[in-house]
C-alpha atoms as a PDB file:
ATOM      1  CA  MET A   1       2.859  21.142  -2.490  1.00  0.00           C
ATOM      2  CA  ALA A   2       0.551  18.841  -0.521  1.00  0.00           C
ATOM      3  CA  GLY A   3       1.381  15.184  -0.228  1.00  0.00           C
ATOM      4  CA  LYS A   4      -0.866  12.180  -0.503  1.00  0.00           C
ATOM      5  CA  ALA A   5      -1.007   8.540   0.458  1.00  0.00           C
ATOM      6  CA  VAL A   6      -0.975   5.690  -2.008  1.00  0.00           C
ATOM      7  CA  ILE A   7      -2.617   2.640  -0.460  1.00  0.00           C
ATOM      8  CA  VAL A   8      -1.141  -0.360  -2.245  1.00  0.00           C
ATOM      9  CA  MET A   9      -2.932  -3.679  -1.851  1.00  0.00           C
ATOM     10  CA  GLY A  10      -1.508  -7.034  -2.805  1.00  0.00           C
ATOM     11  CA  SER A  11      -4.934  -8.067  -4.084  1.00  0.00           C
ATOM     12  CA  GLU A  12      -8.463  -6.722  -4.415  1.00  0.00           C
ATOM     13  CA  ARG A  13      -9.461  -8.893  -1.438  1.00  0.00           C
ATOM     14  CA  ASP A  14      -7.705  -6.290   0.732  1.00  0.00           C
ATOM     15  CA  LEU A  15     -10.084  -3.499  -0.313  1.00  0.00           C
ATOM     16  CA  ASP A  16     -12.357  -3.575   2.760  1.00  0.00           C
ATOM     17  CA  PHE A  17      -9.364  -3.265   5.097  1.00  0.00           C
ATOM     18  CA  SER A  18      -7.921  -0.506   2.890  1.00  0.00           C
ATOM     19  CA  ARG A  19     -11.185   1.425   3.030  1.00  0.00           C
ATOM     20  CA  GLU A  20     -10.878   1.487   6.816  1.00  0.00           C
ATOM     21  CA  ILE A  21      -7.435   3.068   6.469  1.00  0.00           C
ATOM     22  CA  ALA A  22      -8.881   5.583   4.003  1.00  0.00           C
ATOM     23  CA  LYS A  23     -11.521   6.665   6.539  1.00  0.00           C
ATOM     24  CA  TYR A  24      -8.779   7.838   8.883  1.00  0.00           C
ATOM     25  CA  LEU A  25      -6.821   9.527   6.126  1.00  0.00           C
ATOM     26  CA  LYS A  26      -9.954  11.404   5.115  1.00  0.00           C
ATOM     27  CA  MET A  27     -10.526  12.532   8.728  1.00  0.00           C
ATOM     28  CA  LEU A  28      -6.958  13.871   8.740  1.00  0.00           C
ATOM     29  CA  GLY A  29      -7.429  15.670   5.435  1.00  0.00           C
ATOM     30  CA  VAL A  30      -4.940  13.469   3.584  1.00  0.00           C
ATOM     31  CA  ASN A  31      -5.630  12.769  -0.067  1.00  0.00           C
ATOM     32  CA  TYR A  32      -5.242   9.146  -1.044  1.00  0.00           C
ATOM     33  CA  GLU A  33      -5.713   6.667  -3.820  1.00  0.00           C
ATOM     34  CA  PHE A  34      -5.937   2.904  -4.009  1.00  0.00           C
ATOM     35  CA  ARG A  35      -3.743   0.678  -6.171  1.00  0.00           C
ATOM     36  CA  VAL A  36      -3.538  -3.086  -6.534  1.00  0.00           C
ATOM     37  CA  ALA A  37      -0.185  -4.667  -7.358  1.00  0.00           C
ATOM     38  CA  SER A  38       1.447  -7.865  -6.170  1.00  0.00           C
ATOM     39  CA  ALA A  39       5.169  -8.240  -5.581  1.00  0.00           C
ATOM     40  CA  HIS A  40       4.735 -11.963  -6.251  1.00  0.00           C
ATOM     41  CA  LYS A  41       2.387 -12.022  -9.237  1.00  0.00           C
ATOM     42  CA  THR A  42       2.915  -8.641 -10.935  1.00  0.00           C
ATOM     43  CA  PRO A  43       6.310  -7.222  -9.885  1.00  0.00           C
ATOM     44  CA  GLU A  44       6.545  -5.176 -13.089  1.00  0.00           C
ATOM     45  CA  LYS A  45       3.288  -3.432 -12.154  1.00  0.00           C
ATOM     46  CA  VAL A  46       4.724  -2.583  -8.736  1.00  0.00           C
ATOM     47  CA  LEU A  47       7.814  -1.075 -10.361  1.00  0.00           C
ATOM     48  CA  GLU A  48       5.627   0.963 -12.742  1.00  0.00           C
ATOM     49  CA  LEU A  49       3.629   2.238  -9.772  1.00  0.00           C
ATOM     50  CA  VAL A  50       6.796   3.300  -7.934  1.00  0.00           C
ATOM     51  CA  LYS A  51       8.109   5.022 -11.050  1.00  0.00           C
ATOM     52  CA  GLU A  52       4.791   6.845 -11.520  1.00  0.00           C
ATOM     53  CA  PHE A  53       4.905   8.368  -8.032  1.00  0.00           C
ATOM     54  CA  GLU A  54       8.656   8.793  -7.552  1.00  0.00           C
ATOM     55  CA  ALA A  55       8.646  12.503  -8.400  1.00  0.00           C
ATOM     56  CA  GLU A  56       5.654  13.206  -6.131  1.00  0.00           C
ATOM     57  CA  LYS A  57       5.442  13.783  -2.419  1.00  0.00           C
ATOM     58  CA  VAL A  58       3.688  10.563  -1.365  1.00  0.00           C
ATOM     59  CA  ILE A  59       3.743   7.995   1.373  1.00  0.00           C
ATOM     60  CA  TYR A  60       3.008   4.416   0.463  1.00  0.00           C
ATOM     61  CA  ILE A  61       0.753   2.464   2.788  1.00  0.00           C
ATOM     62  CA  THR A  62       1.100  -1.187   1.948  1.00  0.00           C
ATOM     63  CA  VAL A  63      -1.577  -3.673   2.884  1.00  0.00           C
ATOM     64  CA  ALA A  64       0.148  -7.017   3.052  1.00  0.00           C
ATOM     65  CA  GLY A  65      -0.412 -10.499   4.337  1.00  0.00           C
ATOM     66  CA  ARG A  66       1.966 -12.991   5.872  1.00  0.00           C
ATOM     67  CA  SER A  67       4.951 -12.791   3.546  1.00  0.00           C
ATOM     68  CA  ASN A  68       4.804  -8.988   3.218  1.00  0.00           C
ATOM     69  CA  ALA A  69       6.998  -8.983   0.125  1.00  0.00           C
ATOM     70  CA  LEU A  70       5.131  -5.924  -1.158  1.00  0.00           C
ATOM     71  CA  SER A  71       6.474  -3.553   1.509  1.00  0.00           C
ATOM     72  CA  GLY A  72      10.094  -4.525   1.021  1.00  0.00           C
ATOM     73  CA  PHE A  73       9.776  -4.477  -2.744  1.00  0.00           C
ATOM     74  CA  ILE A  74       8.371  -0.940  -2.779  1.00  0.00           C
ATOM     75  CA  ASP A  75      10.748   0.306  -0.094  1.00  0.00           C
ATOM     76  CA  GLY A  76      13.741  -1.080  -1.951  1.00  0.00           C
ATOM     77  CA  ASN A  77      12.751   0.684  -5.168  1.00  0.00           C
ATOM     78  CA  SER A  78      11.538   4.075  -3.930  1.00  0.00           C
ATOM     79  CA  SER A  79      12.899   7.044  -2.038  1.00  0.00           C
ATOM     80  CA  ASN A  80       9.435   7.880  -0.675  1.00  0.00           C
ATOM     81  CA  PRO A  81       8.448   6.788   2.841  1.00  0.00           C
ATOM     82  CA  LEU A  82       6.408   3.663   3.486  1.00  0.00           C
ATOM     83  CA  SER A  83       4.131   2.457   6.247  1.00  0.00           C
ATOM     84  CA  LEU A  84       2.908  -1.109   6.612  1.00  0.00           C
ATOM     85  CA  ALA A  85      -0.680  -2.002   7.503  1.00  0.00           C
ATOM     86  CA  ARG A  86      -0.218  -5.711   8.072  1.00  0.00           C
ATOM     87  CA  LEU A  87      -3.152  -8.040   7.705  1.00  0.00           C
ATOM     88  CA  THR A  88      -3.251 -10.644  10.428  1.00  0.00           C
ATOM     89  CA  PRO A  89      -4.867 -13.945   9.594  1.00  0.00           C
ATOM     90  CA  LYS A  90      -8.015 -14.949  11.421  1.00  0.00           C
ATOM     91  CA  PRO A  91      -7.498 -17.864  13.786  1.00  0.00           C
ATOM     92  CA  LEU A  92      -8.588 -21.233  12.448  1.00  0.00           C
ATOM     93  CA  ALA A  93     -10.355 -22.077  15.694  1.00  0.00           C
ATOM     94  CA  GLU A  94     -11.145 -20.213  18.838  1.00  0.00           C
END
């Protein structure tokens, strides 16, 4: 049974960054899918997502901003592994 990656974004604004992750997964031959769910705004949706994939062989790749509540929320509710792809804010001035 082959595994896959579930790239979970806190919002649709994270899609461009997530597509970059997907490029590397594709090069490695790893199947993946994108999901959007916020630990802050839609925690029930996050729990539904975890329940949906709990019986499968998946790794979650969370794309999170500063608070990174999404990673901890998924990790605390799933037995599947998780990897964080943290978004770093752009500097206000250079």
